[in-house]
Amino acid sequence: GGTSLTFTTGGDQGTYFGFGGVLAGKVGE
């Protein structure tokens, strides 16, 4: 029953954005 979530991170040259993308990919997988 999971849904689709939007995850705001930080600037595209910061760790929030890069690591956030990796986390999002694994959760979705």
mmCIF file of all heavy atoms, coordinates in Angstrom:
data_MODEL
# 
_entry.id   MODEL 
# 
loop_
_atom_site.group_PDB 
_atom_site.id 
_atom_site.type_symbol 
_atom_site.label_atom_id 
_atom_site.label_alt_id 
_atom_site.label_comp_id 
_atom_site.label_asym_id 
_atom_site.label_entity_id 
_atom_site.label_seq_id 
_atom_site.pdbx_PDB_ins_code 
_atom_site.Cartn_x 
_atom_site.Cartn_y 
_atom_site.Cartn_z 
_atom_site.occupancy 
_atom_site.B_iso_or_equiv 
_atom_site.pdbx_formal_charge 
_atom_site.auth_seq_id 
_atom_site.auth_comp_id 
_atom_site.auth_asym_id 
_atom_site.auth_atom_id 
_atom_site.pdbx_PDB_model_num 
ATOM 1   N N   . GLY A 1 1  ? 0.783  -1.227 0.000   1.00 0.00 ? 1  GLY A N   1 
ATOM 2   C CA  . GLY A 1 1  ? 0.000  0.000  0.000   1.00 0.00 ? 1  GLY A CA  1 
ATOM 3   C C   . GLY A 1 1  ? 0.812  1.272  0.000   1.00 0.00 ? 1  GLY A C   1 
ATOM 4   O O   . GLY A 1 1  ? 0.294  2.351  0.309   1.00 0.00 ? 1  GLY A O   1 
ATOM 5   N N   . GLY A 1 2  ? 2.087  1.180  -0.377  1.00 0.00 ? 2  GLY A N   1 
ATOM 6   C CA  . GLY A 1 2  ? 2.906  2.378  -0.459  1.00 0.00 ? 2  GLY A CA  1 
ATOM 7   C C   . GLY A 1 2  ? 2.439  3.307  -1.563  1.00 0.00 ? 2  GLY A C   1 
ATOM 8   O O   . GLY A 1 2  ? 1.821  2.883  -2.543  1.00 0.00 ? 2  GLY A O   1 
ATOM 9   N N   . THR A 1 3  ? 2.726  4.592  -1.414  1.00 0.00 ? 3  THR A N   1 
ATOM 10  C CA  . THR A 1 3  ? 2.317  5.589  -2.393  1.00 0.00 ? 3  THR A CA  1 
ATOM 11  C C   . THR A 1 3  ? 3.551  6.260  -2.985  1.00 0.00 ? 3  THR A C   1 
ATOM 12  O O   . THR A 1 3  ? 4.669  5.782  -2.817  1.00 0.00 ? 3  THR A O   1 
ATOM 13  C CB  . THR A 1 3  ? 1.404  6.643  -1.741  1.00 0.00 ? 3  THR A CB  1 
ATOM 14  O OG1 . THR A 1 3  ? 2.149  7.357  -0.741  1.00 0.00 ? 3  THR A OG1 1 
ATOM 15  C CG2 . THR A 1 3  ? 0.202  5.980  -1.072  1.00 0.00 ? 3  THR A CG2 1 
ATOM 16  N N   . SER A 1 4  ? 3.346  7.374  -3.678  1.00 0.00 ? 4  SER A N   1 
ATOM 17  C CA  . SER A 1 4  ? 4.443  8.148  -4.253  1.00 0.00 ? 4  SER A CA  1 
ATOM 18  C C   . SER A 1 4  ? 4.696  9.382  -3.401  1.00 0.00 ? 4  SER A C   1 
ATOM 19  O O   . SER A 1 4  ? 3.768  10.136 -3.099  1.00 0.00 ? 4  SER A O   1 
ATOM 20  C CB  . SER A 1 4  ? 4.102  8.567  -5.690  1.00 0.00 ? 4  SER A CB  1 
ATOM 21  O OG  . SER A 1 4  ? 3.973  7.427  -6.515  1.00 0.00 ? 4  SER A OG  1 
ATOM 22  N N   . LEU A 1 5  ? 5.936  9.594  -3.014  1.00 0.00 ? 5  LEU A N   1 
ATOM 23  C CA  . LEU A 1 5  ? 6.314  10.703 -2.146  1.00 0.00 ? 5  LEU A CA  1 
ATOM 24  C C   . LEU A 1 5  ? 7.321  11.615 -2.839  1.00 0.00 ? 5  LEU A C   1 
ATOM 25  O O   . LEU A 1 5  ? 8.156  11.151 -3.614  1.00 0.00 ? 5  LEU A O   1 
ATOM 26  C CB  . LEU A 1 5  ? 6.946  10.179 -0.856  1.00 0.00 ? 5  LEU A CB  1 
ATOM 27  C CG  . LEU A 1 5  ? 6.152  9.169  -0.033  1.00 0.00 ? 5  LEU A CG  1 
ATOM 28  C CD1 . LEU A 1 5  ? 6.982  8.721  1.174   1.00 0.00 ? 5  LEU A CD1 1 
ATOM 29  C CD2 . LEU A 1 5  ? 4.821  9.747  0.423   1.00 0.00 ? 5  LEU A CD2 1 
ATOM 30  N N   . THR A 1 6  ? 7.242  12.912 -2.540  1.00 0.00 ? 6  THR A N   1 
ATOM 31  C CA  . THR A 1 6  ? 8.233  13.881 -2.996  1.00 0.00 ? 6  THR A CA  1 
ATOM 32  C C   . THR A 1 6  ? 9.182  14.175 -1.843  1.00 0.00 ? 6  THR A C   1 
ATOM 33  O O   . THR A 1 6  ? 8.756  14.472 -0.732  1.00 0.00 ? 6  THR A O   1 
ATOM 34  C CB  . THR A 1 6  ? 7.557  15.184 -3.462  1.00 0.00 ? 6  THR A CB  1 
ATOM 35  O OG1 . THR A 1 6  ? 6.712  14.896 -4.576  1.00 0.00 ? 6  THR A OG1 1 
ATOM 36  C CG2 . THR A 1 6  ? 8.595  16.210 -3.881  1.00 0.00 ? 6  THR A CG2 1 
ATOM 37  N N   . PHE A 1 7  ? 10.468 14.093 -2.119  1.00 0.00 ? 7  PHE A N   1 
ATOM 38  C CA  . PHE A 1 7  ? 11.523 14.220 -1.123  1.00 0.00 ? 7  PHE A CA  1 
ATOM 39  C C   . PHE A 1 7  ? 12.401 15.411 -1.504  1.00 0.00 ? 7  PHE A C   1 
ATOM 40  O O   . PHE A 1 7  ? 13.170 15.346 -2.461  1.00 0.00 ? 7  PHE A O   1 
ATOM 41  C CB  . PHE A 1 7  ? 12.319 12.912 -1.111  1.00 0.00 ? 7  PHE A CB  1 
ATOM 42  C CG  . PHE A 1 7  ? 13.452 12.819 -0.121  1.00 0.00 ? 7  PHE A CG  1 
ATOM 43  C CD1 . PHE A 1 7  ? 13.581 13.683 0.953   1.00 0.00 ? 7  PHE A CD1 1 
ATOM 44  C CD2 . PHE A 1 7  ? 14.412 11.807 -0.264  1.00 0.00 ? 7  PHE A CD2 1 
ATOM 45  C CE1 . PHE A 1 7  ? 14.618 13.565 1.860   1.00 0.00 ? 7  PHE A CE1 1 
ATOM 46  C CE2 . PHE A 1 7  ? 15.456 11.667 0.637   1.00 0.00 ? 7  PHE A CE2 1 
ATOM 47  C CZ  . PHE A 1 7  ? 15.555 12.556 1.696   1.00 0.00 ? 7  PHE A CZ  1 
ATOM 48  N N   . THR A 1 8  ? 12.273 16.533 -0.775  1.00 0.00 ? 8  THR A N   1 
ATOM 49  C CA  . THR A 1 8  ? 13.113 17.694 -1.058  1.00 0.00 ? 8  THR A CA  1 
ATOM 50  C C   . THR A 1 8  ? 14.444 17.534 -0.335  1.00 0.00 ? 8  THR A C   1 
ATOM 51  O O   . THR A 1 8  ? 14.504 17.095 0.807   1.00 0.00 ? 8  THR A O   1 
ATOM 52  C CB  . THR A 1 8  ? 12.431 18.997 -0.625  1.00 0.00 ? 8  THR A CB  1 
ATOM 53  O OG1 . THR A 1 8  ? 11.960 18.879 0.718   1.00 0.00 ? 8  THR A OG1 1 
ATOM 54  C CG2 . THR A 1 8  ? 11.254 19.323 -1.537  1.00 0.00 ? 8  THR A CG2 1 
ATOM 55  N N   . THR A 1 9  ? 15.526 17.934 -1.009  1.00 0.00 ? 9  THR A N   1 
ATOM 56  C CA  . THR A 1 9  ? 16.865 17.664 -0.489  1.00 0.00 ? 9  THR A CA  1 
ATOM 57  C C   . THR A 1 9  ? 17.658 18.958 -0.327  1.00 0.00 ? 9  THR A C   1 
ATOM 58  O O   . THR A 1 9  ? 17.520 19.655 0.660   1.00 0.00 ? 9  THR A O   1 
ATOM 59  C CB  . THR A 1 9  ? 17.585 16.669 -1.408  1.00 0.00 ? 9  THR A CB  1 
ATOM 60  O OG1 . THR A 1 9  ? 17.588 17.176 -2.761  1.00 0.00 ? 9  THR A OG1 1 
ATOM 61  C CG2 . THR A 1 9  ? 16.905 15.315 -1.380  1.00 0.00 ? 9  THR A CG2 1 
ATOM 62  N N   . GLY A 1 10 ? 18.503 19.288 -1.293  1.00 0.00 ? 10 GLY A N   1 
ATOM 63  C CA  . GLY A 1 10 ? 19.316 20.498 -1.239  1.00 0.00 ? 10 GLY A CA  1 
ATOM 64  C C   . GLY A 1 10 ? 19.777 20.848 -2.637  1.00 0.00 ? 10 GLY A C   1 
ATOM 65  O O   . GLY A 1 10 ? 19.230 20.350 -3.626  1.00 0.00 ? 10 GLY A O   1 
ATOM 66  N N   . GLY A 1 11 ? 20.795 21.689 -2.731  1.00 0.00 ? 11 GLY A N   1 
ATOM 67  C CA  . GLY A 1 11 ? 21.333 22.059 -4.034  1.00 0.00 ? 11 GLY A CA  1 
ATOM 68  C C   . GLY A 1 11 ? 21.930 20.863 -4.758  1.00 0.00 ? 11 GLY A C   1 
ATOM 69  O O   . GLY A 1 11 ? 22.365 19.898 -4.135  1.00 0.00 ? 11 GLY A O   1 
ATOM 70  N N   . ASP A 1 12 ? 21.969 20.943 -6.094  1.00 0.00 ? 12 ASP A N   1 
ATOM 71  C CA  . ASP A 1 12 ? 22.375 19.770 -6.870  1.00 0.00 ? 12 ASP A CA  1 
ATOM 72  C C   . ASP A 1 12 ? 23.865 19.469 -6.806  1.00 0.00 ? 12 ASP A C   1 
ATOM 73  O O   . ASP A 1 12 ? 24.320 18.489 -7.395  1.00 0.00 ? 12 ASP A O   1 
ATOM 74  C CB  . ASP A 1 12 ? 21.910 19.888 -8.331  1.00 0.00 ? 12 ASP A CB  1 
ATOM 75  C CG  . ASP A 1 12 ? 22.470 21.099 -9.042  1.00 0.00 ? 12 ASP A CG  1 
ATOM 76  O OD1 . ASP A 1 12 ? 23.373 21.766 -8.496  1.00 0.00 ? 12 ASP A OD1 1 
ATOM 77  O OD2 . ASP A 1 12 ? 22.006 21.386 -10.156 1.00 0.00 ? 12 ASP A OD2 1 
ATOM 78  N N   . GLN A 1 13 ? 24.642 20.277 -6.091  1.00 0.00 ? 13 GLN A N   1 
ATOM 79  C CA  . GLN A 1 13 ? 26.052 19.953 -5.866  1.00 0.00 ? 13 GLN A CA  1 
ATOM 80  C C   . GLN A 1 13 ? 26.338 19.660 -4.394  1.00 0.00 ? 13 GLN A C   1 
ATOM 81  O O   . GLN A 1 13 ? 27.486 19.662 -3.966  1.00 0.00 ? 13 GLN A O   1 
ATOM 82  C CB  . GLN A 1 13 ? 26.950 21.093 -6.370  1.00 0.00 ? 13 GLN A CB  1 
ATOM 83  C CG  . GLN A 1 13 ? 26.927 21.255 -7.880  1.00 0.00 ? 13 GLN A CG  1 
ATOM 84  C CD  . GLN A 1 13 ? 28.072 22.103 -8.386  1.00 0.00 ? 13 GLN A CD  1 
ATOM 85  O OE1 . GLN A 1 13 ? 29.241 21.871 -8.061  1.00 0.00 ? 13 GLN A OE1 1 
ATOM 86  N NE2 . GLN A 1 13 ? 27.755 23.096 -9.179  1.00 0.00 ? 13 GLN A NE2 1 
ATOM 87  N N   . GLY A 1 14 ? 25.272 19.381 -3.648  1.00 0.00 ? 14 GLY A N   1 
ATOM 88  C CA  . GLY A 1 14 ? 25.430 19.057 -2.242  1.00 0.00 ? 14 GLY A CA  1 
ATOM 89  C C   . GLY A 1 14 ? 25.164 17.591 -1.954  1.00 0.00 ? 14 GLY A C   1 
ATOM 90  O O   . GLY A 1 14 ? 24.640 16.854 -2.804  1.00 0.00 ? 14 GLY A O   1 
ATOM 91  N N   . THR A 1 15 ? 25.504 17.167 -0.756  1.00 0.00 ? 15 THR A N   1 
ATOM 92  C CA  . THR A 1 15 ? 25.348 15.762 -0.365  1.00 0.00 ? 15 THR A CA  1 
ATOM 93  C C   . THR A 1 15 ? 23.884 15.362 -0.235  1.00 0.00 ? 15 THR A C   1 
ATOM 94  O O   . THR A 1 15 ? 23.520 14.228 -0.553  1.00 0.00 ? 15 THR A O   1 
ATOM 95  C CB  . THR A 1 15 ? 26.091 15.509 0.961   1.00 0.00 ? 15 THR A CB  1 
ATOM 96  O OG1 . THR A 1 15 ? 27.441 15.964 0.848   1.00 0.00 ? 15 THR A OG1 1 
ATOM 97  C CG2 . THR A 1 15 ? 26.093 14.024 1.308   1.00 0.00 ? 15 THR A CG2 1 
ATOM 98  N N   . TYR A 1 16 ? 23.027 16.277 0.246   1.00 0.00 ? 16 TYR A N   1 
ATOM 99  C CA  . TYR A 1 16 ? 21.608 15.952 0.377   1.00 0.00 ? 16 TYR A CA  1 
ATOM 100 C C   . TYR A 1 16 ? 21.044 15.428 -0.948  1.00 0.00 ? 16 TYR A C   1 
ATOM 101 O O   . TYR A 1 16 ? 20.327 14.429 -0.980  1.00 0.00 ? 16 TYR A O   1 
ATOM 102 C CB  . TYR A 1 16 ? 20.809 17.200 0.767   1.00 0.00 ? 16 TYR A CB  1 
ATOM 103 C CG  . TYR A 1 16 ? 20.830 17.582 2.219   1.00 0.00 ? 16 TYR A CG  1 
ATOM 104 C CD1 . TYR A 1 16 ? 20.168 18.737 2.647   1.00 0.00 ? 16 TYR A CD1 1 
ATOM 105 C CD2 . TYR A 1 16 ? 21.485 16.832 3.189   1.00 0.00 ? 16 TYR A CD2 1 
ATOM 106 C CE1 . TYR A 1 16 ? 20.162 19.125 3.978   1.00 0.00 ? 16 TYR A CE1 1 
ATOM 107 C CE2 . TYR A 1 16 ? 21.482 17.207 4.517   1.00 0.00 ? 16 TYR A CE2 1 
ATOM 108 C CZ  . TYR A 1 16 ? 20.819 18.360 4.910   1.00 0.00 ? 16 TYR A CZ  1 
ATOM 109 O OH  . TYR A 1 16 ? 20.808 18.745 6.222   1.00 0.00 ? 16 TYR A OH  1 
ATOM 110 N N   . PHE A 1 17 ? 21.339 16.132 -2.017  1.00 0.00 ? 17 PHE A N   1 
ATOM 111 C CA  . PHE A 1 17 ? 20.763 15.769 -3.315  1.00 0.00 ? 17 PHE A CA  1 
ATOM 112 C C   . PHE A 1 17 ? 21.335 14.449 -3.830  1.00 0.00 ? 17 PHE A C   1 
ATOM 113 O O   . PHE A 1 17 ? 20.598 13.547 -4.235  1.00 0.00 ? 17 PHE A O   1 
ATOM 114 C CB  . PHE A 1 17 ? 21.008 16.883 -4.332  1.00 0.00 ? 17 PHE A CB  1 
ATOM 115 C CG  . PHE A 1 17 ? 20.462 16.588 -5.703  1.00 0.00 ? 17 PHE A CG  1 
ATOM 116 C CD1 . PHE A 1 17 ? 19.101 16.636 -5.944  1.00 0.00 ? 17 PHE A CD1 1 
ATOM 117 C CD2 . PHE A 1 17 ? 21.306 16.264 -6.749  1.00 0.00 ? 17 PHE A CD2 1 
ATOM 118 C CE1 . PHE A 1 17 ? 18.594 16.361 -7.210  1.00 0.00 ? 17 PHE A CE1 1 
ATOM 119 C CE2 . PHE A 1 17 ? 20.809 15.995 -8.011  1.00 0.00 ? 17 PHE A CE2 1 
ATOM 120 C CZ  . PHE A 1 17 ? 19.446 16.042 -8.236  1.00 0.00 ? 17 PHE A CZ  1 
ATOM 121 N N   . GLY A 1 18 ? 22.655 14.331 -3.813  1.00 0.00 ? 18 GLY A N   1 
ATOM 122 C CA  . GLY A 1 18 ? 23.272 13.117 -4.338  1.00 0.00 ? 18 GLY A CA  1 
ATOM 123 C C   . GLY A 1 18 ? 22.897 11.876 -3.549  1.00 0.00 ? 18 GLY A C   1 
ATOM 124 O O   . GLY A 1 18 ? 22.500 10.854 -4.120  1.00 0.00 ? 18 GLY A O   1 
ATOM 125 N N   . PHE A 1 19 ? 23.005 11.958 -2.227  1.00 0.00 ? 19 PHE A N   1 
ATOM 126 C CA  . PHE A 1 19 ? 22.674 10.806 -1.393  1.00 0.00 ? 19 PHE A CA  1 
ATOM 127 C C   . PHE A 1 19 ? 21.168 10.569 -1.386  1.00 0.00 ? 19 PHE A C   1 
ATOM 128 O O   . PHE A 1 19 ? 20.712 9.422  -1.363  1.00 0.00 ? 19 PHE A O   1 
ATOM 129 C CB  . PHE A 1 19 ? 23.189 11.034 0.026   1.00 0.00 ? 19 PHE A CB  1 
ATOM 130 C CG  . PHE A 1 19 ? 23.155 9.818  0.911   1.00 0.00 ? 19 PHE A CG  1 
ATOM 131 C CD1 . PHE A 1 19 ? 23.434 8.548  0.410   1.00 0.00 ? 19 PHE A CD1 1 
ATOM 132 C CD2 . PHE A 1 19 ? 22.853 9.938  2.259   1.00 0.00 ? 19 PHE A CD2 1 
ATOM 133 C CE1 . PHE A 1 19 ? 23.411 7.425  1.238   1.00 0.00 ? 19 PHE A CE1 1 
ATOM 134 C CE2 . PHE A 1 19 ? 22.826 8.838  3.093   1.00 0.00 ? 19 PHE A CE2 1 
ATOM 135 C CZ  . PHE A 1 19 ? 23.107 7.573  2.580   1.00 0.00 ? 19 PHE A CZ  1 
ATOM 136 N N   . GLY A 1 20 ? 20.397 11.644 -1.410  1.00 0.00 ? 20 GLY A N   1 
ATOM 137 C CA  . GLY A 1 20 ? 18.948 11.497 -1.460  1.00 0.00 ? 20 GLY A CA  1 
ATOM 138 C C   . GLY A 1 20 ? 18.484 10.706 -2.662  1.00 0.00 ? 20 GLY A C   1 
ATOM 139 O O   . GLY A 1 20 ? 17.571 9.877  -2.570  1.00 0.00 ? 20 GLY A O   1 
ATOM 140 N N   . GLY A 1 21 ? 19.125 10.934 -3.803  1.00 0.00 ? 21 GLY A N   1 
ATOM 141 C CA  . GLY A 1 21 ? 18.776 10.178 -5.000  1.00 0.00 ? 21 GLY A CA  1 
ATOM 142 C C   . GLY A 1 21 ? 19.070 8.698  -4.856  1.00 0.00 ? 21 GLY A C   1 
ATOM 143 O O   . GLY A 1 21 ? 18.290 7.855  -5.310  1.00 0.00 ? 21 GLY A O   1 
ATOM 144 N N   . VAL A 1 22 ? 20.184 8.387  -4.213  1.00 0.00 ? 22 VAL A N   1 
ATOM 145 C CA  . VAL A 1 22 ? 20.541 6.982  -3.986  1.00 0.00 ? 22 VAL A CA  1 
ATOM 146 C C   . VAL A 1 22 ? 19.538 6.321  -3.042  1.00 0.00 ? 22 VAL A C   1 
ATOM 147 O O   . VAL A 1 22 ? 19.085 5.192  -3.269  1.00 0.00 ? 22 VAL A O   1 
ATOM 148 C CB  . VAL A 1 22 ? 21.977 6.877  -3.431  1.00 0.00 ? 22 VAL A CB  1 
ATOM 149 C CG1 . VAL A 1 22 ? 22.300 5.443  -3.024  1.00 0.00 ? 22 VAL A CG1 1 
ATOM 150 C CG2 . VAL A 1 22 ? 22.983 7.367  -4.465  1.00 0.00 ? 22 VAL A CG2 1 
ATOM 151 N N   . LEU A 1 23 ? 19.167 7.027  -1.968  1.00 0.00 ? 23 LEU A N   1 
ATOM 152 C CA  . LEU A 1 23 ? 18.196 6.485  -1.020  1.00 0.00 ? 23 LEU A CA  1 
ATOM 153 C C   . LEU A 1 23 ? 16.849 6.252  -1.701  1.00 0.00 ? 23 LEU A C   1 
ATOM 154 O O   . LEU A 1 23 ? 16.222 5.201  -1.523  1.00 0.00 ? 23 LEU A O   1 
ATOM 155 C CB  . LEU A 1 23 ? 18.010 7.440  0.155   1.00 0.00 ? 23 LEU A CB  1 
ATOM 156 C CG  . LEU A 1 23 ? 19.224 7.702  1.052   1.00 0.00 ? 23 LEU A CG  1 
ATOM 157 C CD1 . LEU A 1 23 ? 18.872 8.729  2.123   1.00 0.00 ? 23 LEU A CD1 1 
ATOM 158 C CD2 . LEU A 1 23 ? 19.731 6.412  1.680   1.00 0.00 ? 23 LEU A CD2 1 
ATOM 159 N N   . ALA A 1 24 ? 16.403 7.246  -2.474  1.00 0.00 ? 24 ALA A N   1 
ATOM 160 C CA  . ALA A 1 24 ? 15.115 7.133  -3.157  1.00 0.00 ? 24 ALA A CA  1 
ATOM 161 C C   . ALA A 1 24 ? 15.092 5.937  -4.091  1.00 0.00 ? 24 ALA A C   1 
ATOM 162 O O   . ALA A 1 24 ? 14.101 5.192  -4.163  1.00 0.00 ? 24 ALA A O   1 
ATOM 163 C CB  . ALA A 1 24 ? 14.824 8.410  -3.941  1.00 0.00 ? 24 ALA A CB  1 
ATOM 164 N N   . GLY A 1 25 ? 16.187 5.747  -4.802  1.00 0.00 ? 25 GLY A N   1 
ATOM 165 C CA  . GLY A 1 25 ? 16.253 4.618  -5.727  1.00 0.00 ? 25 GLY A CA  1 
ATOM 166 C C   . GLY A 1 25 ? 16.124 3.281  -5.018  1.00 0.00 ? 25 GLY A C   1 
ATOM 167 O O   . GLY A 1 25 ? 15.405 2.393  -5.468  1.00 0.00 ? 25 GLY A O   1 
ATOM 168 N N   . LYS A 1 26 ? 16.805 3.156  -3.883  1.00 0.00 ? 26 LYS A N   1 
ATOM 169 C CA  . LYS A 1 26 ? 16.764 1.879  -3.159  1.00 0.00 ? 26 LYS A CA  1 
ATOM 170 C C   . LYS A 1 26 ? 15.395 1.635  -2.533  1.00 0.00 ? 26 LYS A C   1 
ATOM 171 O O   . LYS A 1 26 ? 14.894 0.505  -2.536  1.00 0.00 ? 26 LYS A O   1 
ATOM 172 C CB  . LYS A 1 26 ? 17.863 1.858  -2.088  1.00 0.00 ? 26 LYS A CB  1 
ATOM 173 C CG  . LYS A 1 26 ? 18.027 0.511  -1.387  1.00 0.00 ? 26 LYS A CG  1 
ATOM 174 C CD  . LYS A 1 26 ? 18.234 -0.648 -2.370  1.00 0.00 ? 26 LYS A CD  1 
ATOM 175 C CE  . LYS A 1 26 ? 19.491 -0.518 -3.181  1.00 0.00 ? 26 LYS A CE  1 
ATOM 176 N NZ  . LYS A 1 26 ? 19.624 -1.681 -4.123  1.00 0.00 ? 26 LYS A NZ  1 
ATOM 177 N N   . VAL A 1 27 ? 14.773 2.687  -1.989  1.00 0.00 ? 27 VAL A N   1 
ATOM 178 C CA  . VAL A 1 27 ? 13.435 2.523  -1.413  1.00 0.00 ? 27 VAL A CA  1 
ATOM 179 C C   . VAL A 1 27 ? 12.449 2.083  -2.492  1.00 0.00 ? 27 VAL A C   1 
ATOM 180 O O   . VAL A 1 27 ? 11.637 1.171  -2.280  1.00 0.00 ? 27 VAL A O   1 
ATOM 181 C CB  . VAL A 1 27 ? 12.963 3.845  -0.761  1.00 0.00 ? 27 VAL A CB  1 
ATOM 182 C CG1 . VAL A 1 27 ? 11.493 3.749  -0.345  1.00 0.00 ? 27 VAL A CG1 1 
ATOM 183 C CG2 . VAL A 1 27 ? 13.828 4.174  0.452   1.00 0.00 ? 27 VAL A CG2 1 
ATOM 184 N N   . GLY A 1 28 ? 12.513 2.719  -3.661  1.00 0.00 ? 28 GLY A N   1 
ATOM 185 C CA  . GLY A 1 28 ? 11.617 2.351  -4.750  1.00 0.00 ? 28 GLY A CA  1 
ATOM 186 C C   . GLY A 1 28 ? 11.858 0.950  -5.269  1.00 0.00 ? 28 GLY A C   1 
ATOM 187 O O   . GLY A 1 28 ? 10.926 0.255  -5.681  1.00 0.00 ? 28 GLY A O   1 
ATOM 188 N N   . GLU A 1 29 ? 13.101 0.514  -5.244  1.00 0.00 ? 29 GLU A N   1 
ATOM 189 C CA  . GLU A 1 29 ? 13.464 -0.821 -5.704  1.00 0.00 ? 29 GLU A CA  1 
ATOM 190 C C   . GLU A 1 29 ? 13.039 -1.894 -4.707  1.00 0.00 ? 29 GLU A C   1 
ATOM 191 O O   . GLU A 1 29 ? 12.678 -3.011 -5.090  1.00 0.00 ? 29 GLU A O   1 
ATOM 192 C CB  . GLU A 1 29 ? 14.981 -0.875 -5.922  1.00 0.00 ? 29 GLU A CB  1 
ATOM 193 C CG  . GLU A 1 29 ? 15.513 -2.170 -6.503  1.00 0.00 ? 29 GLU A CG  1 
ATOM 194 C CD  . GLU A 1 29 ? 17.014 -2.153 -6.655  1.00 0.00 ? 29 GLU A CD  1 
ATOM 195 O OE1 . GLU A 1 29 ? 17.632 -1.087 -6.423  1.00 0.00 ? 29 GLU A OE1 1 
ATOM 196 O OE2 . GLU A 1 29 ? 17.580 -3.208 -7.000  1.00 0.00 ? 29 GLU A OE2 1 
# 
